[in-house]
Amino acid sequence: MESHTDTLDPLRFGFVCVDNACRSQIAAAPAETQLQVRNRADIEVVSGGTDPAEAIRMSIIEVMREKGDDPSIGRRHRSPATRLRCVIPSS
């Protein structure tokens, strides 16, 4: 069986919510941080929304900063949900 590390593309792990301005951002930032700490370039974190907003909510940026997460991570990985192969919706 072929591993994702045997292919050219990294494994893409997506966090999806409706507007990609709150929940998916809160989930994606610490996941990205942990991948960086573990030096896992073979896994990519993306966030997406079924109806994406224009920007991340300011209150979420403040919460992310308070928790020590980098809010710019979420902005780098804003991806429409239709670009992800498998979507597991959050409630």
PDB file of N, CA and C in Angstrom:
ATOM      1  N   MET A   1       0.842  -1.182   0.000  1.00  0.00           N
ATOM      2  CA  MET A   1       0.000   0.000   0.000  1.00  0.00           C
ATOM      3  C   MET A   1       0.885   1.243   0.000  1.00  0.00           C
ATOM      4  N   GLU A   2       0.520   2.228  -0.792  1.00  0.00           N
ATOM      5  CA  GLU A   2       1.294   3.448  -0.928  1.00  0.00           C
ATOM      6  C   GLU A   2       1.009   4.406   0.219  1.00  0.00           C
ATOM      7  N   SER A   3       2.043   4.958   0.803  1.00  0.00           N
ATOM      8  CA  SER A   3       1.915   5.942   1.878  1.00  0.00           C
ATOM      9  C   SER A   3       1.834   7.334   1.270  1.00  0.00           C
ATOM     10  N   HIS A   4       1.239   8.276   2.006  1.00  0.00           N
ATOM     11  CA  HIS A   4       1.195   9.649   1.494  1.00  0.00           C
ATOM     12  C   HIS A   4       2.604  10.225   1.381  1.00  0.00           C
ATOM     13  N   THR A   5       3.578   9.699   2.130  1.00  0.00           N
ATOM     14  CA  THR A   5       4.945  10.191   2.043  1.00  0.00           C
ATOM     15  C   THR A   5       5.631   9.701   0.772  1.00  0.00           C
ATOM     16  N   ASP A   6       5.051   8.723   0.078  1.00  0.00           N
ATOM     17  CA  ASP A   6       5.613   8.215  -1.169  1.00  0.00           C
ATOM     18  C   ASP A   6       5.163   9.027  -2.380  1.00  0.00           C
ATOM     19  N   THR A   7       4.219   9.910  -2.199  1.00  0.00           N
ATOM     20  CA  THR A   7       3.711  10.724  -3.302  1.00  0.00           C
ATOM     21  C   THR A   7       4.338  12.111  -3.251  1.00  0.00           C
ATOM     22  N   LEU A   8       4.137  12.885  -4.306  1.00  0.00           N
ATOM     23  CA  LEU A   8       4.688  14.235  -4.352  1.00  0.00           C
ATOM     24  C   LEU A   8       3.895  15.213  -3.499  1.00  0.00           C
ATOM     25  N   ASP A   9       2.602  14.985  -3.355  1.00  0.00           N
ATOM     26  CA  ASP A   9       1.754  15.916  -2.618  1.00  0.00           C
ATOM     27  C   ASP A   9       1.706  15.566  -1.140  1.00  0.00           C
ATOM     28  N   PRO A  10       1.720  16.591  -0.272  1.00  0.00           N
ATOM     29  CA  PRO A  10       1.583  16.308   1.157  1.00  0.00           C
ATOM     30  C   PRO A  10       0.151  15.878   1.490  1.00  0.00           C
ATOM     31  N   LEU A  11       0.013  15.194   2.592  1.00  0.00           N
ATOM     32  CA  LEU A  11      -1.309  14.864   3.100  1.00  0.00           C
ATOM     33  C   LEU A  11      -1.959  16.179   3.514  1.00  0.00           C
ATOM     34  N   ARG A  12      -3.168  16.433   3.051  1.00  0.00           N
ATOM     35  CA  ARG A  12      -3.859  17.685   3.364  1.00  0.00           C
ATOM     36  C   ARG A  12      -4.937  17.395   4.396  1.00  0.00           C
ATOM     37  N   PHE A  13      -4.838  18.073   5.526  1.00  0.00           N
ATOM     38  CA  PHE A  13      -5.771  17.901   6.627  1.00  0.00           C
ATOM     39  C   PHE A  13      -6.591  19.173   6.738  1.00  0.00           C
ATOM     40  N   GLY A  14      -7.899  19.084   6.486  1.00  0.00           N
ATOM     41  CA  GLY A  14      -8.729  20.273   6.424  1.00  0.00           C
ATOM     42  C   GLY A  14      -9.696  20.425   7.576  1.00  0.00           C
ATOM     43  N   PHE A  15      -9.835  21.655   8.029  1.00  0.00           N
ATOM     44  CA  PHE A  15     -10.834  22.028   9.028  1.00  0.00           C
ATOM     45  C   PHE A  15     -11.850  22.914   8.321  1.00  0.00           C
ATOM     46  N   VAL A  16     -13.122  22.540   8.383  1.00  0.00           N
ATOM     47  CA  VAL A  16     -14.150  23.238   7.621  1.00  0.00           C
ATOM     48  C   VAL A  16     -15.306  23.647   8.522  1.00  0.00           C
ATOM     49  N   CYS A  17     -15.768  24.859   8.337  1.00  0.00           N
ATOM     50  CA  CYS A  17     -17.011  25.318   8.958  1.00  0.00           C
ATOM     51  C   CYS A  17     -17.755  26.131   7.894  1.00  0.00           C
ATOM     52  N   VAL A  18     -18.825  26.772   8.248  1.00  0.00           N
ATOM     53  CA  VAL A  18     -19.621  27.474   7.240  1.00  0.00           C
ATOM     54  C   VAL A  18     -18.871  28.666   6.659  1.00  0.00           C
ATOM     55  N   ASP A  19     -18.454  29.613   7.500  1.00  0.00           N
ATOM     56  CA  ASP A  19     -17.881  30.840   6.945  1.00  0.00           C
ATOM     57  C   ASP A  19     -16.359  30.928   7.026  1.00  0.00           C
ATOM     58  N   ASN A  20     -15.699  29.911   7.542  1.00  0.00           N
ATOM     59  CA  ASN A  20     -14.235  29.883   7.620  1.00  0.00           C
ATOM     60  C   ASN A  20     -13.689  31.146   8.270  1.00  0.00           C
ATOM     61  N   ALA A  21     -14.358  31.622   9.285  1.00  0.00           N
ATOM     62  CA  ALA A  21     -13.931  32.841   9.957  1.00  0.00           C
ATOM     63  C   ALA A  21     -13.856  32.655  11.464  1.00  0.00           C
ATOM     64  N   CYS A  22     -14.098  31.431  11.946  1.00  0.00           N
ATOM     65  CA  CYS A  22     -14.153  31.215  13.389  1.00  0.00           C
ATOM     66  C   CYS A  22     -13.648  29.822  13.754  1.00  0.00           C
ATOM     67  N   ARG A  23     -14.535  28.834  13.749  1.00  0.00           N
ATOM     68  CA  ARG A  23     -14.202  27.483  14.228  1.00  0.00           C
ATOM     69  C   ARG A  23     -13.059  26.830  13.467  1.00  0.00           C
ATOM     70  N   SER A  24     -13.100  26.903  12.152  1.00  0.00           N
ATOM     71  CA  SER A  24     -12.039  26.258  11.374  1.00  0.00           C
ATOM     72  C   SER A  24     -10.694  26.924  11.618  1.00  0.00           C
ATOM     73  N   GLN A  25     -10.694  28.225  11.823  1.00  0.00           N
ATOM     74  CA  GLN A  25      -9.459  28.958  12.107  1.00  0.00           C
ATOM     75  C   GLN A  25      -8.898  28.582  13.482  1.00  0.00           C
ATOM     76  N   ILE A  26      -9.804  28.486  14.469  1.00  0.00           N
ATOM     77  CA  ILE A  26      -9.389  28.106  15.834  1.00  0.00           C
ATOM     78  C   ILE A  26      -8.779  26.701  15.825  1.00  0.00           C
ATOM     79  N   ALA A  27      -9.293  25.812  15.002  1.00  0.00           N
ATOM     80  CA  ALA A  27      -8.778  24.439  14.934  1.00  0.00           C
ATOM     81  C   ALA A  27      -7.496  24.343  14.106  1.00  0.00           C
ATOM     82  N   ALA A  28      -7.422  25.068  13.012  1.00  0.00           N
ATOM     83  CA  ALA A  28      -6.278  24.955  12.102  1.00  0.00           C
ATOM     84  C   ALA A  28      -4.989  25.519  12.691  1.00  0.00           C
ATOM     85  N   ALA A  29      -5.063  26.621  13.414  1.00  0.00           N
ATOM     86  CA  ALA A  29      -3.847  27.271  13.919  1.00  0.00           C
ATOM     87  C   ALA A  29      -3.032  26.373  14.854  1.00  0.00           C
ATOM     88  N   PRO A  30      -3.632  25.772  15.895  1.00  0.00           N
ATOM     89  CA  PRO A  30      -2.804  24.910  16.753  1.00  0.00           C
ATOM     90  C   PRO A  30      -2.339  23.641  16.038  1.00  0.00           C
ATOM     91  N   ALA A  31      -3.122  23.144  15.094  1.00  0.00           N
ATOM     92  CA  ALA A  31      -2.687  21.972  14.329  1.00  0.00           C
ATOM     93  C   ALA A  31      -1.448  22.325  13.507  1.00  0.00           C
ATOM     94  N   GLU A  32      -1.466  23.472  12.867  1.00  0.00           N
ATOM     95  CA  GLU A  32      -0.310  23.920  12.086  1.00  0.00           C
ATOM     96  C   GLU A  32       0.904  24.137  12.994  1.00  0.00           C
ATOM     97  N   THR A  33       0.683  24.717  14.152  1.00  0.00           N
ATOM     98  CA  THR A  33       1.777  24.929  15.093  1.00  0.00           C
ATOM     99  C   THR A  33       2.413  23.602  15.501  1.00  0.00           C
ATOM    100  N   GLN A  34       1.579  22.600  15.803  1.00  0.00           N
ATOM    101  CA  GLN A  34       2.103  21.300  16.207  1.00  0.00           C
ATOM    102  C   GLN A  34       2.874  20.616  15.070  1.00  0.00           C
ATOM    103  N   LEU A  35       2.423  20.791  13.840  1.00  0.00           N
ATOM    104  CA  LEU A  35       3.152  20.220  12.701  1.00  0.00           C
ATOM    105  C   LEU A  35       4.510  20.894  12.538  1.00  0.00           C
ATOM    106  N   GLN A  36       4.571  22.205  12.773  1.00  0.00           N
ATOM    107  CA  GLN A  36       5.841  22.919  12.688  1.00  0.00           C
ATOM    108  C   GLN A  36       6.789  22.459  13.788  1.00  0.00           C
ATOM    109  N   VAL A  37       6.275  22.294  15.014  1.00  0.00           N
ATOM    110  CA  VAL A  37       7.088  21.840  16.139  1.00  0.00           C
ATOM    111  C   VAL A  37       7.669  20.461  15.840  1.00  0.00           C
ATOM    112  N   ARG A  38       6.874  19.618  15.216  1.00  0.00           N
ATOM    113  CA  ARG A  38       7.302  18.243  14.914  1.00  0.00           C
ATOM    114  C   ARG A  38       8.013  18.119  13.567  1.00  0.00           C
ATOM    115  N   ASN A  39       8.208  19.263  12.886  1.00  0.00           N
ATOM    116  CA  ASN A  39       8.896  19.295  11.599  1.00  0.00           C
ATOM    117  C   ASN A  39       8.260  18.335  10.588  1.00  0.00           C
ATOM    118  N   ARG A  40       6.933  18.401  10.470  1.00  0.00           N
ATOM    119  CA  ARG A  40       6.189  17.507   9.572  1.00  0.00           C
ATOM    120  C   ARG A  40       5.793  18.254   8.300  1.00  0.00           C
ATOM    121  N   ALA A  41       6.717  18.348   7.370  1.00  0.00           N
ATOM    122  CA  ALA A  41       6.441  19.010   6.100  1.00  0.00           C
ATOM    123  C   ALA A  41       5.587  18.142   5.176  1.00  0.00           C
ATOM    124  N   ASP A  42       5.379  16.876   5.557  1.00  0.00           N
ATOM    125  CA  ASP A  42       4.596  15.960   4.725  1.00  0.00           C
ATOM    126  C   ASP A  42       3.094  16.087   4.973  1.00  0.00           C
ATOM    127  N   ILE A  43       2.707  16.966   5.899  1.00  0.00           N
ATOM    128  CA  ILE A  43       1.288  17.184   6.203  1.00  0.00           C
ATOM    129  C   ILE A  43       1.004  18.677   6.093  1.00  0.00           C
ATOM    130  N   GLU A  44      -0.077  19.017   5.403  1.00  0.00           N
ATOM    131  CA  GLU A  44      -0.471  20.408   5.220  1.00  0.00           C
ATOM    132  C   GLU A  44      -1.825  20.635   5.871  1.00  0.00           C
ATOM    133  N   VAL A  45      -1.955  21.715   6.615  1.00  0.00           N
ATOM    134  CA  VAL A  45      -3.224  22.089   7.239  1.00  0.00           C
ATOM    135  C   VAL A  45      -3.876  23.164   6.392  1.00  0.00           C
ATOM    136  N   VAL A  46      -5.154  22.971   6.090  1.00  0.00           N
ATOM    137  CA  VAL A  46      -5.933  23.984   5.382  1.00  0.00           C
ATOM    138  C   VAL A  46      -7.236  24.196   6.131  1.00  0.00           C
ATOM    139  N   SER A  47      -7.836  25.337   5.918  1.00  0.00           N
ATOM    140  CA  SER A  47      -9.161  25.578   6.476  1.00  0.00           C
ATOM    141  C   SER A  47     -10.057  26.030   5.333  1.00  0.00           C
ATOM    142  N   GLY A  48     -11.323  25.761   5.464  1.00  0.00           N
ATOM    143  CA  GLY A  48     -12.242  26.119   4.404  1.00  0.00           C
ATOM    144  C   GLY A  48     -13.633  26.369   4.933  1.00  0.00           C
ATOM    145  N   GLY A  49     -14.464  26.886   4.078  1.00  0.00           N
ATOM    146  CA  GLY A  49     -15.851  27.148   4.446  1.00  0.00           C
ATOM    147  C   GLY A  49     -16.777  26.860   3.286  1.00  0.00           C
ATOM    148  N   THR A  50     -17.977  26.429   3.605  1.00  0.00           N
ATOM    149  CA  THR A  50     -18.954  26.174   2.547  1.00  0.00           C
ATOM    150  C   THR A  50     -19.505  27.478   1.972  1.00  0.00           C
ATOM    151  N   ASP A  51     -19.435  28.547   2.768  1.00  0.00           N
ATOM    152  CA  ASP A  51     -19.845  29.887   2.334  1.00  0.00           C
ATOM    153  C   ASP A  51     -18.861  30.877   2.966  1.00  0.00           C
ATOM    154  N   PRO A  52     -17.599  30.928   2.468  1.00  0.00           N
ATOM    155  CA  PRO A  52     -16.539  31.679   3.131  1.00  0.00           C
ATOM    156  C   PRO A  52     -16.810  33.167   3.295  1.00  0.00           C
ATOM    157  N   ALA A  53     -16.455  33.673   4.472  1.00  0.00           N
ATOM    158  CA  ALA A  53     -16.535  35.103   4.762  1.00  0.00           C
ATOM    159  C   ALA A  53     -15.321  35.797   4.143  1.00  0.00           C
ATOM    160  N   GLU A  54     -15.369  37.113   4.122  1.00  0.00           N
ATOM    161  CA  GLU A  54     -14.262  37.898   3.563  1.00  0.00           C
ATOM    162  C   GLU A  54     -13.006  37.839   4.426  1.00  0.00           C
ATOM    163  N   ALA A  55     -13.172  37.724   5.756  1.00  0.00           N
ATOM    164  CA  ALA A  55     -12.019  37.776   6.662  1.00  0.00           C
ATOM    165  C   ALA A  55     -12.328  37.015   7.948  1.00  0.00           C
ATOM    166  N   ILE A  56     -11.279  36.697   8.676  1.00  0.00           N
ATOM    167  CA  ILE A  56     -11.427  36.074   9.989  1.00  0.00           C
ATOM    168  C   ILE A  56     -11.976  37.127  10.948  1.00  0.00           C
ATOM    169  N   ARG A  57     -12.869  36.729  11.826  1.00  0.00           N
ATOM    170  CA  ARG A  57     -13.438  37.662  12.804  1.00  0.00           C
ATOM    171  C   ARG A  57     -12.355  38.181  13.745  1.00  0.00           C
ATOM    172  N   MET A  58     -12.397  39.487  14.036  1.00  0.00           N
ATOM    173  CA  MET A  58     -11.397  40.111  14.921  1.00  0.00           C
ATOM    174  C   MET A  58     -11.383  39.456  16.300  1.00  0.00           C
ATOM    175  N   SER A  59     -12.548  39.069  16.805  1.00  0.00           N
ATOM    176  CA  SER A  59     -12.594  38.441  18.131  1.00  0.00           C
ATOM    177  C   SER A  59     -11.841  37.114  18.126  1.00  0.00           C
ATOM    178  N   ILE A  60     -11.855  36.410  17.008  1.00  0.00           N
ATOM    179  CA  ILE A  60     -11.146  35.135  16.885  1.00  0.00           C
ATOM    180  C   ILE A  60      -9.646  35.381  16.817  1.00  0.00           C
ATOM    181  N   ILE A  61      -9.232  36.411  16.112  1.00  0.00           N
ATOM    182  CA  ILE A  61      -7.812  36.762  16.053  1.00  0.00           C
ATOM    183  C   ILE A  61      -7.298  37.053  17.461  1.00  0.00           C
ATOM    184  N   GLU A  62      -8.083  37.784  18.252  1.00  0.00           N
ATOM    185  CA  GLU A  62      -7.687  38.090  19.635  1.00  0.00           C
ATOM    186  C   GLU A  62      -7.569  36.818  20.475  1.00  0.00           C
ATOM    187  N   VAL A  63      -8.529  35.904  20.345  1.00  0.00           N
ATOM    188  CA  VAL A  63      -8.486  34.640  21.085  1.00  0.00           C
ATOM    189  C   VAL A  63      -7.263  33.827  20.682  1.00  0.00           C
ATOM    190  N   MET A  64      -6.982  33.772  19.399  1.00  0.00           N
ATOM    191  CA  MET A  64      -5.825  33.014  18.916  1.00  0.00           C
ATOM    192  C   MET A  64      -4.533  33.585  19.484  1.00  0.00           C
ATOM    193  N   ARG A  65      -4.415  34.899  19.499  1.00  0.00           N
ATOM    194  CA  ARG A  65      -3.212  35.531  20.065  1.00  0.00           C
ATOM    195  C   ARG A  65      -3.088  35.232  21.558  1.00  0.00           C
ATOM    196  N   GLU A  66      -4.209  35.281  22.280  1.00  0.00           N
ATOM    197  CA  GLU A  66      -4.186  34.970  23.717  1.00  0.00           C
ATOM    198  C   GLU A  66      -3.717  33.548  23.973  1.00  0.00           C
ATOM    199  N   LYS A  67      -4.063  32.627  23.085  1.00  0.00           N
ATOM    200  CA  LYS A  67      -3.668  31.221  23.244  1.00  0.00           C
ATOM    201  C   LYS A  67      -2.260  30.963  22.722  1.00  0.00           C
ATOM    202  N   GLY A  68      -1.626  31.972  22.122  1.00  0.00           N
ATOM    203  CA  GLY A  68      -0.273  31.807  21.603  1.00  0.00           C
ATOM    204  C   GLY A  68      -0.214  31.272  20.188  1.00  0.00           C
ATOM    205  N   ASP A  69      -1.358  31.231  19.504  1.00  0.00           N
ATOM    206  CA  ASP A  69      -1.388  30.769  18.120  1.00  0.00           C
ATOM    207  C   ASP A  69      -1.205  31.954  17.179  1.00  0.00           C
ATOM    208  N   ASP A  70      -0.671  31.687  16.022  1.00  0.00           N
ATOM    209  CA  ASP A  70      -0.417  32.717  15.025  1.00  0.00           C
ATOM    210  C   ASP A  70      -1.636  32.875  14.124  1.00  0.00           C
ATOM    211  N   PRO A  71      -2.367  33.989  14.228  1.00  0.00           N
ATOM    212  CA  PRO A  71      -3.565  34.158  13.390  1.00  0.00           C
ATOM    213  C   PRO A  71      -3.257  34.258  11.908  1.00  0.00           C
ATOM    214  N   SER A  72      -2.027  34.555  11.533  1.00  0.00           N
ATOM    215  CA  SER A  72      -1.697  34.629  10.108  1.00  0.00           C
ATOM    216  C   SER A  72      -1.715  33.244   9.471  1.00  0.00           C
ATOM    217  N   ILE A  73      -1.587  32.184  10.273  1.00  0.00           N
ATOM    218  CA  ILE A  73      -1.665  30.826   9.742  1.00  0.00           C
ATOM    219  C   ILE A  73      -3.021  30.608   9.079  1.00  0.00           C
ATOM    220  N   GLY A  74      -4.081  31.016   9.752  1.00  0.00           N
ATOM    221  CA  GLY A  74      -5.418  30.864   9.188  1.00  0.00           C
ATOM    222  C   GLY A  74      -5.597  31.625   7.892  1.00  0.00           C
ATOM    223  N   ARG A  75      -5.020  32.807   7.812  1.00  0.00           N
ATOM    224  CA  ARG A  75      -5.152  33.590   6.590  1.00  0.00           C
ATOM    225  C   ARG A  75      -4.389  32.949   5.434  1.00  0.00           C
ATOM    226  N   ARG A  76      -3.282  32.298   5.721  1.00  0.00           N
ATOM    227  CA  ARG A  76      -2.517  31.641   4.658  1.00  0.00           C
ATOM    228  C   ARG A  76      -3.259  30.436   4.093  1.00  0.00           C
ATOM    229  N   HIS A  77      -4.086  29.794   4.902  1.00  0.00           N
ATOM    230  CA  HIS A  77      -4.669  28.518   4.507  1.00  0.00           C
ATOM    231  C   HIS A  77      -6.176  28.580   4.261  1.00  0.00           C
ATOM    232  N   ARG A  78      -6.685  29.730   3.902  1.00  0.00           N
ATOM    233  CA  ARG A  78      -8.113  29.831   3.613  1.00  0.00           C
ATOM    234  C   ARG A  78      -8.373  29.218   2.244  1.00  0.00           C
ATOM    235  N   SER A  79      -9.077  28.118   2.247  1.00  0.00           N
ATOM    236  CA  SER A  79      -9.310  27.357   1.021  1.00  0.00           C
ATOM    237  C   SER A  79     -10.792  27.032   0.903  1.00  0.00           C
ATOM    238  N   PRO A  80     -11.387  27.224  -0.277  1.00  0.00           N
ATOM    239  CA  PRO A  80     -12.797  26.824  -0.423  1.00  0.00           C
ATOM    240  C   PRO A  80     -12.965  25.332  -0.157  1.00  0.00           C
ATOM    241  N   ALA A  81     -14.019  24.976   0.502  1.00  0.00           N
ATOM    242  CA  ALA A  81     -14.268  23.575   0.861  1.00  0.00           C
ATOM    243  C   ALA A  81     -14.334  22.679  -0.369  1.00  0.00           C
ATOM    244  N   THR A  82     -14.688  23.230  -1.508  1.00  0.00           N
ATOM    245  CA  THR A  82     -14.794  22.415  -2.719  1.00  0.00           C
ATOM    246  C   THR A  82     -13.434  21.919  -3.200  1.00  0.00           C
ATOM    247  N   ARG A  83     -12.340  22.505  -2.725  1.00  0.00           N
ATOM    248  CA  ARG A  83     -11.007  22.067  -3.132  1.00  0.00           C
ATOM    249  C   ARG A  83     -10.515  20.887  -2.303  1.00  0.00           C
ATOM    250  N   LEU A  84     -11.218  20.541  -1.237  1.00  0.00           N
ATOM    251  CA  LEU A  84     -10.817  19.423  -0.393  1.00  0.00           C
ATOM    252  C   LEU A  84     -11.467  18.148  -0.897  1.00  0.00           C
ATOM    253  N   ARG A  85     -10.756  17.046  -0.867  1.00  0.00           N
ATOM    254  CA  ARG A  85     -11.299  15.777  -1.359  1.00  0.00           C
ATOM    255  C   ARG A  85     -12.325  15.180  -0.408  1.00  0.00           C
ATOM    256  N   CYS A  86     -12.109  15.321   0.863  1.00  0.00           N
ATOM    257  CA  CYS A  86     -13.002  14.742   1.861  1.00  0.00           C
ATOM    258  C   CYS A  86     -13.313  15.792   2.898  1.00  0.00           C
ATOM    259  N   VAL A  87     -14.561  16.037   3.153  1.00  0.00           N
ATOM    260  CA  VAL A  87     -14.967  17.059   4.114  1.00  0.00           C
ATOM    261  C   VAL A  87     -15.764  16.406   5.224  1.00  0.00           C
ATOM    262  N   ILE A  88     -15.322  16.615   6.461  1.00  0.00           N
ATOM    263  CA  ILE A  88     -16.050  16.142   7.634  1.00  0.00           C
ATOM    264  C   ILE A  88     -16.595  17.378   8.331  1.00  0.00           C
ATOM    265  N   PRO A  89     -17.887  17.639   8.253  1.00  0.00           N
ATOM    266  CA  PRO A  89     -18.438  18.883   8.802  1.00  0.00           C
ATOM    267  C   PRO A  89     -18.365  18.938  10.328  1.00  0.00           C
ATOM    268  N   SER A  90     -18.155  20.161  10.827  1.00  0.00           N
ATOM    269  CA  SER A  90     -18.213  20.366  12.273  1.00  0.00           C
ATOM    270  C   SER A  90     -19.619  20.816  12.625  1.00  0.00           C
ATOM    271  N   SER A  91     -20.003  20.631  13.878  1.00  0.00           N
ATOM    272  CA  SER A  91     -21.368  21.025  14.268  1.00  0.00           C
ATOM    273  C   SER A  91     -21.385  22.403  14.859  1.00  0.00           C
TER     274      SER A  91
END
